[in-house]
Amino acid sequence: MSNYLFSKTAYIKGVQCLKQLYLYKYHYKLQDPLSPETLAKFKGGHDFEDAYRASNFPFAVDIEKIAKNRNAYASLTKKALQKQVADIFEATFVHQDVLVMNDVLTRSSGKWEIQEIKNSSELKPTHIQDIALQYFVTKGVLRKELDAKLILNDGKNGYKILDVTTEVKELQPNIEANIKRFKNILSQNDIPKVTIGNHCEDPYKCSFFGYCHKSL
Protein backbone atom coordinates (compact mmCIF):
# COMPACT_ATOMS: atom_id res chain seq x y z
CA MET A 1 0.00 0.00 0.00
CA SER A 2 2.55 2.56 -1.11
CA ASN A 3 0.01 4.84 -2.80
CA TYR A 4 -0.81 6.91 0.29
CA LEU A 5 0.82 9.75 2.18
CA PHE A 6 -0.30 8.99 5.71
CA SER A 7 -2.50 6.63 7.69
CA LYS A 8 -5.18 6.95 10.35
CA THR A 9 -2.53 6.51 13.05
CA ALA A 10 -0.51 9.41 11.67
CA TYR A 11 -3.66 11.54 11.37
CA ILE A 12 -4.49 11.10 15.06
CA LYS A 13 -0.90 12.00 15.93
CA GLY A 14 -1.23 15.12 13.77
CA VAL A 15 -4.38 16.21 15.57
CA GLN A 16 -2.37 16.11 18.79
CA CYS A 17 0.82 17.71 17.42
CA LEU A 18 2.06 18.60 13.94
CA LYS A 19 5.64 17.84 14.94
CA GLN A 20 4.62 14.34 16.03
CA LEU A 21 2.96 13.81 12.64
CA TYR A 22 6.12 14.85 10.79
CA LEU A 23 8.44 12.75 12.95
CA TYR A 24 6.17 9.71 12.60
CA LYS A 25 6.25 10.03 8.82
CA TYR A 26 9.93 10.78 8.27
CA HIS A 27 11.79 9.85 11.49
CA TYR A 28 9.86 6.82 12.72
CA LYS A 29 12.84 5.23 14.49
CA LEU A 30 13.17 8.17 16.89
CA GLN A 31 10.07 7.04 18.79
CA ASP A 32 10.35 6.02 22.42
CA PRO A 33 10.44 2.26 23.01
CA LEU A 34 7.09 0.82 24.06
CA SER A 35 6.78 0.14 27.77
CA PRO A 36 5.51 -3.22 29.10
CA GLU A 37 2.36 -1.39 30.24
CA THR A 38 1.72 -0.04 26.74
CA LEU A 39 2.31 -3.45 25.16
CA ALA A 40 -0.12 -5.02 27.63
CA LYS A 41 -2.69 -2.35 26.79
CA PHE A 42 -2.31 -3.06 23.08
CA LYS A 43 -2.76 -6.78 23.68
CA GLY A 44 -5.87 -6.14 25.75
CA GLY A 45 -7.27 -4.03 22.95
CA HIS A 46 -6.61 -6.70 20.34
CA ASP A 47 -8.15 -9.41 22.53
CA PHE A 48 -11.26 -7.29 23.11
CA GLU A 49 -11.57 -6.60 19.38
CA ASP A 50 -11.11 -10.26 18.43
CA ALA A 51 -13.73 -11.42 20.94
CA TYR A 52 -16.31 -8.91 19.73
CA ARG A 53 -15.76 -9.67 16.05
CA ALA A 54 -15.84 -13.44 16.56
CA SER A 55 -19.11 -13.31 18.47
CA ASN A 56 -20.91 -10.88 16.17
CA PHE A 57 -19.53 -11.58 12.68
CA PRO A 58 -18.52 -15.27 12.54
CA PHE A 59 -18.59 -15.42 8.73
CA ALA A 60 -16.81 -12.17 7.92
CA VAL A 61 -13.93 -11.95 5.47
CA ASP A 62 -10.78 -10.91 7.33
CA ILE A 63 -8.55 -9.03 4.89
CA GLU A 64 -5.55 -9.26 7.21
CA LYS A 65 -5.73 -13.06 7.30
CA ILE A 66 -6.12 -13.65 3.56
CA ALA A 67 -3.54 -11.14 2.39
CA LYS A 68 0.01 -12.25 1.65
CA ASN A 69 1.27 -8.76 2.50
CA ARG A 70 -0.09 -5.33 3.41
CA ASN A 71 0.19 -4.08 -0.16
CA ALA A 72 -2.68 -6.41 -1.09
CA TYR A 73 -5.16 -5.12 1.52
CA ALA A 74 -6.86 -2.50 -0.65
CA SER A 75 -7.19 -4.73 -3.72
CA LEU A 76 -8.54 -7.61 -1.65
CA THR A 77 -11.08 -5.26 -0.10
CA LYS A 78 -12.19 -4.22 -3.56
CA LYS A 79 -12.62 -7.86 -4.60
CA ALA A 80 -14.65 -8.61 -1.46
CA LEU A 81 -16.94 -5.70 -2.24
CA GLN A 82 -17.36 -6.88 -5.83
CA LYS A 83 -18.43 -10.27 -4.47
CA GLN A 84 -20.98 -8.45 -2.27
CA VAL A 85 -19.50 -9.77 0.97
CA ALA A 86 -21.66 -8.47 3.82
CA ASP A 87 -19.06 -8.27 6.59
CA ILE A 88 -15.38 -7.38 6.23
CA PHE A 89 -12.64 -7.03 8.84
CA GLU A 90 -9.77 -4.61 8.13
CA ALA A 91 -11.50 -3.24 5.03
CA THR A 92 -8.82 -0.99 3.57
CA PHE A 93 -9.33 2.21 1.59
CA VAL A 94 -7.20 5.05 0.26
CA HIS A 95 -8.77 8.41 -0.58
CA GLN A 96 -7.03 11.76 -1.03
CA ASP A 97 -3.73 10.01 -0.20
CA VAL A 98 -5.00 8.88 3.23
CA LEU A 99 -5.18 5.22 4.30
CA VAL A 100 -7.73 3.77 6.71
CA MET A 101 -8.58 0.23 7.81
CA ASN A 102 -12.04 -0.38 9.28
CA ASP A 103 -12.24 -2.76 12.23
CA VAL A 104 -15.59 -3.84 10.80
CA LEU A 105 -17.35 -2.83 7.60
CA THR A 106 -20.82 -4.34 7.46
CA ARG A 107 -24.04 -3.97 5.52
CA SER A 108 -26.00 -6.60 7.41
CA SER A 109 -28.58 -3.92 8.26
CA GLY A 110 -29.03 -3.04 4.58
CA LYS A 111 -26.74 0.00 4.70
CA TRP A 112 -22.98 0.22 4.90
CA GLU A 113 -21.79 0.72 8.44
CA ILE A 114 -18.33 1.28 9.92
CA GLN A 115 -17.63 -0.08 13.39
CA GLU A 116 -14.59 1.00 15.37
CA ILE A 117 -13.80 -1.15 18.43
CA LYS A 118 -12.18 0.41 21.50
CA ASN A 119 -11.37 -1.40 24.74
CA SER A 120 -12.48 1.61 26.74
CA SER A 121 -15.50 2.20 28.95
CA GLU A 122 -15.39 5.92 28.25
CA LEU A 123 -16.18 7.69 24.98
CA LYS A 124 -13.26 10.00 24.15
CA PRO A 125 -12.87 12.80 21.57
CA THR A 126 -10.08 10.86 19.85
CA HIS A 127 -12.52 7.99 19.24
CA ILE A 128 -14.77 10.34 17.30
CA GLN A 129 -11.82 11.78 15.36
CA ASP A 130 -10.71 8.24 14.52
CA ILE A 131 -14.01 7.04 13.10
CA ALA A 132 -14.72 10.41 11.46
CA LEU A 133 -11.56 10.04 9.37
CA GLN A 134 -12.57 6.48 8.47
CA TYR A 135 -15.96 7.79 7.40
CA PHE A 136 -14.39 10.46 5.18
CA VAL A 137 -12.05 8.06 3.41
CA THR A 138 -14.46 5.11 3.16
CA LYS A 139 -17.30 7.24 1.85
CA GLY A 140 -14.90 8.84 -0.62
CA VAL A 141 -14.17 5.40 -2.10
CA LEU A 142 -17.59 3.75 -1.82
CA ARG A 143 -19.52 6.92 -2.73
CA LYS A 144 -22.31 5.82 -0.43
CA GLU A 145 -23.82 7.16 2.77
CA LEU A 146 -22.57 5.32 5.84
CA ASP A 147 -23.48 4.78 9.45
CA ALA A 148 -20.76 5.00 12.11
CA LYS A 149 -20.74 3.11 15.41
CA LEU A 150 -18.26 2.83 18.25
CA ILE A 151 -18.01 -0.41 20.21
CA LEU A 152 -16.87 0.20 23.79
CA ASN A 153 -16.30 -1.99 26.84
CA ASP A 154 -19.37 -1.98 29.11
CA GLY A 155 -17.23 -2.98 32.10
CA LYS A 156 -19.20 -6.19 32.56
CA ASN A 157 -17.43 -8.48 30.09
CA GLY A 158 -19.67 -7.15 27.34
CA TYR A 159 -20.03 -4.35 24.84
CA LYS A 160 -21.91 -1.12 24.44
CA ILE A 161 -22.65 0.11 20.93
CA LEU A 162 -22.84 3.86 20.33
CA ASP A 163 -24.27 5.32 17.13
CA VAL A 164 -22.05 8.34 16.41
CA THR A 165 -23.15 8.95 12.82
CA THR A 166 -24.46 12.45 13.52
CA GLU A 167 -21.29 13.56 15.31
CA VAL A 168 -19.11 12.02 12.59
CA LYS A 169 -20.98 13.79 9.78
CA GLU A 170 -20.67 17.13 11.57
CA LEU A 171 -16.89 16.65 11.70
CA GLN A 172 -16.41 16.05 7.98
CA PRO A 173 -15.44 19.66 7.04
CA ASN A 174 -12.90 19.62 9.87
CA ILE A 175 -11.50 16.29 8.67
CA GLU A 176 -11.03 17.59 5.14
CA ALA A 177 -9.37 20.78 6.41
CA ASN A 178 -6.98 18.76 8.60
CA ILE A 179 -6.00 16.52 5.69
CA LYS A 180 -5.05 19.57 3.62
CA ARG A 181 -3.12 21.06 6.54
CA PHE A 182 -1.27 17.82 7.24
CA LYS A 183 -0.32 17.40 3.58
CA ASN A 184 1.17 20.89 3.65
CA ILE A 185 3.19 20.07 6.78
CA LEU A 186 4.48 16.83 5.27
CA SER A 187 5.57 18.63 2.09
CA GLN A 188 8.03 20.75 4.05
CA ASN A 189 11.74 19.98 4.32
CA ASP A 190 12.17 20.83 7.99
CA ILE A 191 10.70 19.43 11.18
CA PRO A 192 7.95 21.78 12.41
CA LYS A 193 8.87 23.90 15.40
CA VAL A 194 6.32 23.20 18.15
CA THR A 195 6.75 24.39 21.72
CA ILE A 196 6.65 21.73 24.43
CA GLY A 197 3.43 21.90 26.44
CA ASN A 198 0.42 20.08 27.82
CA HIS A 199 -0.29 18.58 24.41
CA CYS A 200 2.82 16.40 24.83
CA GLU A 201 0.78 14.17 27.14
CA ASP A 202 -2.80 14.99 26.16
CA PRO A 203 -4.75 13.00 25.12
CA TYR A 204 -1.85 10.50 25.04
CA LYS A 205 1.82 10.69 25.84
CA CYS A 206 3.54 11.55 22.56
CA SER A 207 5.49 8.68 21.05
CA PHE A 208 8.41 11.11 20.54
CA PHE A 209 8.30 12.50 24.09
CA GLY A 210 11.87 11.48 24.83
CA TYR A 211 13.21 12.98 21.60
CA CYS A 212 11.57 16.35 22.18
CA HIS A 213 12.51 16.52 25.87
CA LYS A 214 16.09 15.24 25.66
CA SER A 215 17.63 18.72 25.51
CA LEU A 216 15.77 20.02 28.58
C-alpha atoms as a PDB file:
ATOM      1  CA  MET A   1       0.000   0.000   0.000  1.00  0.00           C
ATOM      2  CA  SER A   2       2.552   2.563  -1.109  1.00  0.00           C
ATOM      3  CA  ASN A   3       0.008   4.837  -2.796  1.00  0.00           C
ATOM      4  CA  TYR A   4      -0.810   6.910   0.286  1.00  0.00           C
ATOM      5  CA  LEU A   5       0.821   9.752   2.180  1.00  0.00           C
ATOM      6  CA  PHE A   6      -0.305   8.994   5.710  1.00  0.00           C
ATOM      7  CA  SER A   7      -2.496   6.629   7.691  1.00  0.00           C
ATOM      8  CA  LYS A   8      -5.180   6.945  10.350  1.00  0.00           C
ATOM      9  CA  THR A   9      -2.530   6.510  13.055  1.00  0.00           C
ATOM     10  CA  ALA A  10      -0.513   9.407  11.666  1.00  0.00           C
ATOM     11  CA  TYR A  11      -3.655  11.537  11.371  1.00  0.00           C
ATOM     12  CA  ILE A  12      -4.488  11.100  15.055  1.00  0.00           C
ATOM     13  CA  LYS A  13      -0.900  12.005  15.928  1.00  0.00           C
ATOM     14  CA  GLY A  14      -1.227  15.116  13.769  1.00  0.00           C
ATOM     15  CA  VAL A  15      -4.377  16.213  15.571  1.00  0.00           C
ATOM     16  CA  GLN A  16      -2.367  16.113  18.788  1.00  0.00           C
ATOM     17  CA  CYS A  17       0.818  17.708  17.419  1.00  0.00           C
ATOM     18  CA  LEU A  18       2.060  18.600  13.941  1.00  0.00           C
ATOM     19  CA  LYS A  19       5.640  17.838  14.944  1.00  0.00           C
ATOM     20  CA  GLN A  20       4.617  14.342  16.027  1.00  0.00           C
ATOM     21  CA  LEU A  21       2.959  13.808  12.639  1.00  0.00           C
ATOM     22  CA  TYR A  22       6.122  14.847  10.787  1.00  0.00           C
ATOM     23  CA  LEU A  23       8.441  12.750  12.952  1.00  0.00           C
ATOM     24  CA  TYR A  24       6.171   9.714  12.601  1.00  0.00           C
ATOM     25  CA  LYS A  25       6.254  10.029   8.823  1.00  0.00           C
ATOM     26  CA  TYR A  26       9.933  10.778   8.275  1.00  0.00           C
ATOM     27  CA  HIS A  27      11.792   9.851  11.492  1.00  0.00           C
ATOM     28  CA  TYR A  28       9.860   6.820  12.718  1.00  0.00           C
ATOM     29  CA  LYS A  29      12.840   5.230  14.495  1.00  0.00           C
ATOM     30  CA  LEU A  30      13.172   8.169  16.889  1.00  0.00           C
ATOM     31  CA  GLN A  31      10.069   7.036  18.787  1.00  0.00           C
ATOM     32  CA  ASP A  32      10.347   6.022  22.423  1.00  0.00           C
ATOM     33  CA  PRO A  33      10.437   2.257  23.014  1.00  0.00           C
ATOM     34  CA  LEU A  34       7.090   0.821  24.059  1.00  0.00           C
ATOM     35  CA  SER A  35       6.777   0.140  27.770  1.00  0.00           C
ATOM     36  CA  PRO A  36       5.511  -3.216  29.103  1.00  0.00           C
ATOM     37  CA  GLU A  37       2.358  -1.388  30.240  1.00  0.00           C
ATOM     38  CA  THR A  38       1.720  -0.044  26.739  1.00  0.00           C
ATOM     39  CA  LEU A  39       2.315  -3.445  25.164  1.00  0.00           C
ATOM     40  CA  ALA A  40      -0.117  -5.019  27.631  1.00  0.00           C
ATOM     41  CA  LYS A  41      -2.695  -2.347  26.794  1.00  0.00           C
ATOM     42  CA  PHE A  42      -2.307  -3.060  23.078  1.00  0.00           C
ATOM     43  CA  LYS A  43      -2.755  -6.781  23.680  1.00  0.00           C
ATOM     44  CA  GLY A  44      -5.865  -6.139  25.753  1.00  0.00           C
ATOM     45  CA  GLY A  45      -7.272  -4.029  22.948  1.00  0.00           C
ATOM     46  CA  HIS A  46      -6.613  -6.705  20.339  1.00  0.00           C
ATOM     47  CA  ASP A  47      -8.150  -9.411  22.534  1.00  0.00           C
ATOM     48  CA  PHE A  48     -11.262  -7.287  23.111  1.00  0.00           C
ATOM     49  CA  GLU A  49     -11.567  -6.604  19.377  1.00  0.00           C
ATOM     50  CA  ASP A  50     -11.110 -10.257  18.433  1.00  0.00           C
ATOM     51  CA  ALA A  51     -13.733 -11.415  20.939  1.00  0.00           C
ATOM     52  CA  TYR A  52     -16.313  -8.907  19.726  1.00  0.00           C
ATOM     53  CA  ARG A  53     -15.764  -9.673  16.051  1.00  0.00           C
ATOM     54  CA  ALA A  54     -15.842 -13.441  16.562  1.00  0.00           C
ATOM     55  CA  SER A  55     -19.112 -13.314  18.472  1.00  0.00           C
ATOM     56  CA  ASN A  56     -20.907 -10.884  16.173  1.00  0.00           C
ATOM     57  CA  PHE A  57     -19.527 -11.584  12.683  1.00  0.00           C
ATOM     58  CA  PRO A  58     -18.518 -15.265  12.543  1.00  0.00           C
ATOM     59  CA  PHE A  59     -18.588 -15.419   8.726  1.00  0.00           C
ATOM     60  CA  ALA A  60     -16.807 -12.172   7.922  1.00  0.00           C
ATOM     61  CA  VAL A  61     -13.931 -11.950   5.467  1.00  0.00           C
ATOM     62  CA  ASP A  62     -10.779 -10.911   7.326  1.00  0.00           C
ATOM     63  CA  ILE A  63      -8.548  -9.032   4.888  1.00  0.00           C
ATOM     64  CA  GLU A  64      -5.548  -9.260   7.213  1.00  0.00           C
ATOM     65  CA  LYS A  65      -5.728 -13.055   7.301  1.00  0.00           C
ATOM     66  CA  ILE A  66      -6.121 -13.652   3.558  1.00  0.00           C
ATOM     67  CA  ALA A  67      -3.535 -11.141   2.387  1.00  0.00           C
ATOM     68  CA  LYS A  68       0.012 -12.248   1.650  1.00  0.00           C
ATOM     69  CA  ASN A  69       1.266  -8.759   2.499  1.00  0.00           C
ATOM     70  CA  ARG A  70      -0.089  -5.332   3.410  1.00  0.00           C
ATOM     71  CA  ASN A  71       0.187  -4.084  -0.157  1.00  0.00           C
ATOM     72  CA  ALA A  72      -2.676  -6.409  -1.085  1.00  0.00           C
ATOM     73  CA  TYR A  73      -5.159  -5.124   1.519  1.00  0.00           C
ATOM     74  CA  ALA A  74      -6.862  -2.499  -0.654  1.00  0.00           C
ATOM     75  CA  SER A  75      -7.191  -4.727  -3.724  1.00  0.00           C
ATOM     76  CA  LEU A  76      -8.542  -7.610  -1.649  1.00  0.00           C
ATOM     77  CA  THR A  77     -11.080  -5.262  -0.098  1.00  0.00           C
ATOM     78  CA  LYS A  78     -12.192  -4.217  -3.562  1.00  0.00           C
ATOM     79  CA  LYS A  79     -12.616  -7.860  -4.597  1.00  0.00           C
ATOM     80  CA  ALA A  80     -14.652  -8.615  -1.460  1.00  0.00           C
ATOM     81  CA  LEU A  81     -16.935  -5.698  -2.245  1.00  0.00           C
ATOM     82  CA  GLN A  82     -17.362  -6.877  -5.834  1.00  0.00           C
ATOM     83  CA  LYS A  83     -18.434 -10.267  -4.473  1.00  0.00           C
ATOM     84  CA  GLN A  84     -20.981  -8.455  -2.272  1.00  0.00           C
ATOM     85  CA  VAL A  85     -19.498  -9.765   0.966  1.00  0.00           C
ATOM     86  CA  ALA A  86     -21.663  -8.472   3.815  1.00  0.00           C
ATOM     87  CA  ASP A  87     -19.064  -8.266   6.590  1.00  0.00           C
ATOM     88  CA  ILE A  88     -15.377  -7.379   6.226  1.00  0.00           C
ATOM     89  CA  PHE A  89     -12.639  -7.029   8.838  1.00  0.00           C
ATOM     90  CA  GLU A  90      -9.772  -4.612   8.129  1.00  0.00           C
ATOM     91  CA  ALA A  91     -11.502  -3.239   5.027  1.00  0.00           C
ATOM     92  CA  THR A  92      -8.816  -0.992   3.566  1.00  0.00           C
ATOM     93  CA  PHE A  93      -9.326   2.210   1.593  1.00  0.00           C
ATOM     94  CA  VAL A  94      -7.195   5.051   0.258  1.00  0.00           C
ATOM     95  CA  HIS A  95      -8.770   8.410  -0.579  1.00  0.00           C
ATOM     96  CA  GLN A  96      -7.035  11.765  -1.029  1.00  0.00           C
ATOM     97  CA  ASP A  97      -3.734  10.014  -0.199  1.00  0.00           C
ATOM     98  CA  VAL A  98      -5.002   8.879   3.232  1.00  0.00           C
ATOM     99  CA  LEU A  99      -5.176   5.216   4.296  1.00  0.00           C
ATOM    100  CA  VAL A 100      -7.727   3.767   6.712  1.00  0.00           C
ATOM    101  CA  MET A 101      -8.585   0.233   7.807  1.00  0.00           C
ATOM    102  CA  ASN A 102     -12.041  -0.383   9.278  1.00  0.00           C
ATOM    103  CA  ASP A 103     -12.240  -2.765  12.231  1.00  0.00           C
ATOM    104  CA  VAL A 104     -15.593  -3.836  10.802  1.00  0.00           C
ATOM    105  CA  LEU A 105     -17.345  -2.827   7.601  1.00  0.00           C
ATOM    106  CA  THR A 106     -20.817  -4.345   7.462  1.00  0.00           C
ATOM    107  CA  ARG A 107     -24.035  -3.967   5.524  1.00  0.00           C
ATOM    108  CA  SER A 108     -25.998  -6.601   7.409  1.00  0.00           C
ATOM    109  CA  SER A 109     -28.585  -3.925   8.261  1.00  0.00           C
ATOM    110  CA  GLY A 110     -29.032  -3.044   4.583  1.00  0.00           C
ATOM    111  CA  LYS A 111     -26.743   0.001   4.704  1.00  0.00           C
ATOM    112  CA  TRP A 112     -22.984   0.222   4.902  1.00  0.00           C
ATOM    113  CA  GLU A 113     -21.788   0.725   8.445  1.00  0.00           C
ATOM    114  CA  ILE A 114     -18.333   1.283   9.920  1.00  0.00           C
ATOM    115  CA  GLN A 115     -17.627  -0.082  13.392  1.00  0.00           C
ATOM    116  CA  GLU A 116     -14.587   0.999  15.371  1.00  0.00           C
ATOM    117  CA  ILE A 117     -13.798  -1.153  18.430  1.00  0.00           C
ATOM    118  CA  LYS A 118     -12.176   0.408  21.498  1.00  0.00           C
ATOM    119  CA  ASN A 119     -11.368  -1.405  24.738  1.00  0.00           C
ATOM    120  CA  SER A 120     -12.485   1.606  26.742  1.00  0.00           C
ATOM    121  CA  SER A 121     -15.496   2.195  28.952  1.00  0.00           C
ATOM    122  CA  GLU A 122     -15.395   5.925  28.245  1.00  0.00           C
ATOM    123  CA  LEU A 123     -16.175   7.694  24.981  1.00  0.00           C
ATOM    124  CA  LYS A 124     -13.263  10.000  24.149  1.00  0.00           C
ATOM    125  CA  PRO A 125     -12.872  12.804  21.566  1.00  0.00           C
ATOM    126  CA  THR A 126     -10.081  10.861  19.850  1.00  0.00           C
ATOM    127  CA  HIS A 127     -12.517   7.989  19.241  1.00  0.00           C
ATOM    128  CA  ILE A 128     -14.768  10.343  17.295  1.00  0.00           C
ATOM    129  CA  GLN A 129     -11.816  11.779  15.361  1.00  0.00           C
ATOM    130  CA  ASP A 130     -10.714   8.236  14.525  1.00  0.00           C
ATOM    131  CA  ILE A 131     -14.005   7.035  13.096  1.00  0.00           C
ATOM    132  CA  ALA A 132     -14.722  10.410  11.456  1.00  0.00           C
ATOM    133  CA  LEU A 133     -11.561  10.035   9.371  1.00  0.00           C
ATOM    134  CA  GLN A 134     -12.573   6.477   8.470  1.00  0.00           C
ATOM    135  CA  TYR A 135     -15.964   7.793   7.404  1.00  0.00           C
ATOM    136  CA  PHE A 136     -14.386  10.460   5.181  1.00  0.00           C
ATOM    137  CA  VAL A 137     -12.050   8.057   3.412  1.00  0.00           C
ATOM    138  CA  THR A 138     -14.457   5.106   3.160  1.00  0.00           C
ATOM    139  CA  LYS A 139     -17.302   7.238   1.846  1.00  0.00           C
ATOM    140  CA  GLY A 140     -14.900   8.839  -0.621  1.00  0.00           C
ATOM    141  CA  VAL A 141     -14.171   5.403  -2.102  1.00  0.00           C
ATOM    142  CA  LEU A 142     -17.590   3.754  -1.825  1.00  0.00           C
ATOM    143  CA  ARG A 143     -19.516   6.919  -2.731  1.00  0.00           C
ATOM    144  CA  LYS A 144     -22.313   5.821  -0.435  1.00  0.00           C
ATOM    145  CA  GLU A 145     -23.818   7.161   2.765  1.00  0.00           C
ATOM    146  CA  LEU A 146     -22.574   5.318   5.839  1.00  0.00           C
ATOM    147  CA  ASP A 147     -23.484   4.777   9.453  1.00  0.00           C
ATOM    148  CA  ALA A 148     -20.763   4.997  12.105  1.00  0.00           C
ATOM    149  CA  LYS A 149     -20.741   3.106  15.406  1.00  0.00           C
ATOM    150  CA  LEU A 150     -18.260   2.828  18.245  1.00  0.00           C
ATOM    151  CA  ILE A 151     -18.009  -0.406  20.210  1.00  0.00           C
ATOM    152  CA  LEU A 152     -16.875   0.197  23.786  1.00  0.00           C
ATOM    153  CA  ASN A 153     -16.304  -1.985  26.838  1.00  0.00           C
ATOM    154  CA  ASP A 154     -19.372  -1.983  29.112  1.00  0.00           C
ATOM    155  CA  GLY A 155     -17.233  -2.978  32.104  1.00  0.00           C
ATOM    156  CA  LYS A 156     -19.196  -6.190  32.563  1.00  0.00           C
ATOM    157  CA  ASN A 157     -17.427  -8.476  30.086  1.00  0.00           C
ATOM    158  CA  GLY A 158     -19.674  -7.152  27.343  1.00  0.00           C
ATOM    159  CA  TYR A 159     -20.031  -4.349  24.835  1.00  0.00           C
ATOM    160  CA  LYS A 160     -21.906  -1.119  24.436  1.00  0.00           C
ATOM    161  CA  ILE A 161     -22.646   0.112  20.935  1.00  0.00           C
ATOM    162  CA  LEU A 162     -22.845   3.860  20.333  1.00  0.00           C
ATOM    163  CA  ASP A 163     -24.267   5.316  17.129  1.00  0.00           C
ATOM    164  CA  VAL A 164     -22.054   8.340  16.413  1.00  0.00           C
ATOM    165  CA  THR A 165     -23.151   8.948  12.818  1.00  0.00           C
ATOM    166  CA  THR A 166     -24.458  12.454  13.524  1.00  0.00           C
ATOM    167  CA  GLU A 167     -21.286  13.557  15.309  1.00  0.00           C
ATOM    168  CA  VAL A 168     -19.114  12.024  12.590  1.00  0.00           C
ATOM    169  CA  LYS A 169     -20.983  13.790   9.781  1.00  0.00           C
ATOM    170  CA  GLU A 170     -20.665  17.127  11.566  1.00  0.00           C
ATOM    171  CA  LEU A 171     -16.892  16.652  11.701  1.00  0.00           C
ATOM    172  CA  GLN A 172     -16.406  16.054   7.976  1.00  0.00           C
ATOM    173  CA  PRO A 173     -15.442  19.656   7.038  1.00  0.00           C
ATOM    174  CA  ASN A 174     -12.902  19.620   9.869  1.00  0.00           C
ATOM    175  CA  ILE A 175     -11.496  16.288   8.673  1.00  0.00           C
ATOM    176  CA  GLU A 176     -11.033  17.589   5.138  1.00  0.00           C
ATOM    177  CA  ALA A 177      -9.369  20.779   6.414  1.00  0.00           C
ATOM    178  CA  ASN A 178      -6.983  18.761   8.600  1.00  0.00           C
ATOM    179  CA  ILE A 179      -5.996  16.519   5.687  1.00  0.00           C
ATOM    180  CA  LYS A 180      -5.055  19.571   3.616  1.00  0.00           C
ATOM    181  CA  ARG A 181      -3.119  21.063   6.538  1.00  0.00           C
ATOM    182  CA  PHE A 182      -1.266  17.822   7.237  1.00  0.00           C
ATOM    183  CA  LYS A 183      -0.323  17.404   3.582  1.00  0.00           C
ATOM    184  CA  ASN A 184       1.170  20.886   3.653  1.00  0.00           C
ATOM    185  CA  ILE A 185       3.194  20.075   6.782  1.00  0.00           C
ATOM    186  CA  LEU A 186       4.485  16.834   5.265  1.00  0.00           C
ATOM    187  CA  SER A 187       5.570  18.633   2.090  1.00  0.00           C
ATOM    188  CA  GLN A 188       8.035  20.753   4.046  1.00  0.00           C
ATOM    189  CA  ASN A 189      11.739  19.976   4.324  1.00  0.00           C
ATOM    190  CA  ASP A 190      12.171  20.831   7.988  1.00  0.00           C
ATOM    191  CA  ILE A 191      10.700  19.433  11.185  1.00  0.00           C
ATOM    192  CA  PRO A 192       7.948  21.775  12.410  1.00  0.00           C
ATOM    193  CA  LYS A 193       8.869  23.896  15.400  1.00  0.00           C
ATOM    194  CA  VAL A 194       6.323  23.200  18.147  1.00  0.00           C
ATOM    195  CA  THR A 195       6.749  24.393  21.721  1.00  0.00           C
ATOM    196  CA  ILE A 196       6.651  21.727  24.425  1.00  0.00           C
ATOM    197  CA  GLY A 197       3.430  21.905  26.440  1.00  0.00           C
ATOM    198  CA  ASN A 198       0.424  20.076  27.820  1.00  0.00           C
ATOM    199  CA  HIS A 199      -0.287  18.582  24.414  1.00  0.00           C
ATOM    200  CA  CYS A 200       2.815  16.402  24.827  1.00  0.00           C
ATOM    201  CA  GLU A 201       0.782  14.171  27.140  1.00  0.00           C
ATOM    202  CA  ASP A 202      -2.805  14.991  26.158  1.00  0.00           C
ATOM    203  CA  PRO A 203      -4.750  12.997  25.121  1.00  0.00           C
ATOM    204  CA  TYR A 204      -1.850  10.498  25.038  1.00  0.00           C
ATOM    205  CA  LYS A 205       1.816  10.692  25.843  1.00  0.00           C
ATOM    206  CA  CYS A 206       3.537  11.554  22.565  1.00  0.00           C
ATOM    207  CA  SER A 207       5.493   8.684  21.049  1.00  0.00           C
ATOM    208  CA  PHE A 208       8.412  11.112  20.544  1.00  0.00           C
ATOM    209  CA  PHE A 209       8.296  12.496  24.089  1.00  0.00           C
ATOM    210  CA  GLY A 210      11.872  11.479  24.828  1.00  0.00           C
ATOM    211  CA  TYR A 211      13.208  12.977  21.602  1.00  0.00           C
ATOM    212  CA  CYS A 212      11.565  16.353  22.182  1.00  0.00           C
ATOM    213  CA  HIS A 213      12.508  16.515  25.871  1.00  0.00           C
ATOM    214  CA  LYS A 214      16.089  15.239  25.657  1.00  0.00           C
ATOM    215  CA  SER A 215      17.628  18.718  25.513  1.00  0.00           C
ATOM    216  CA  LEU A 216      15.766  20.025  28.583  1.00  0.00           C
END
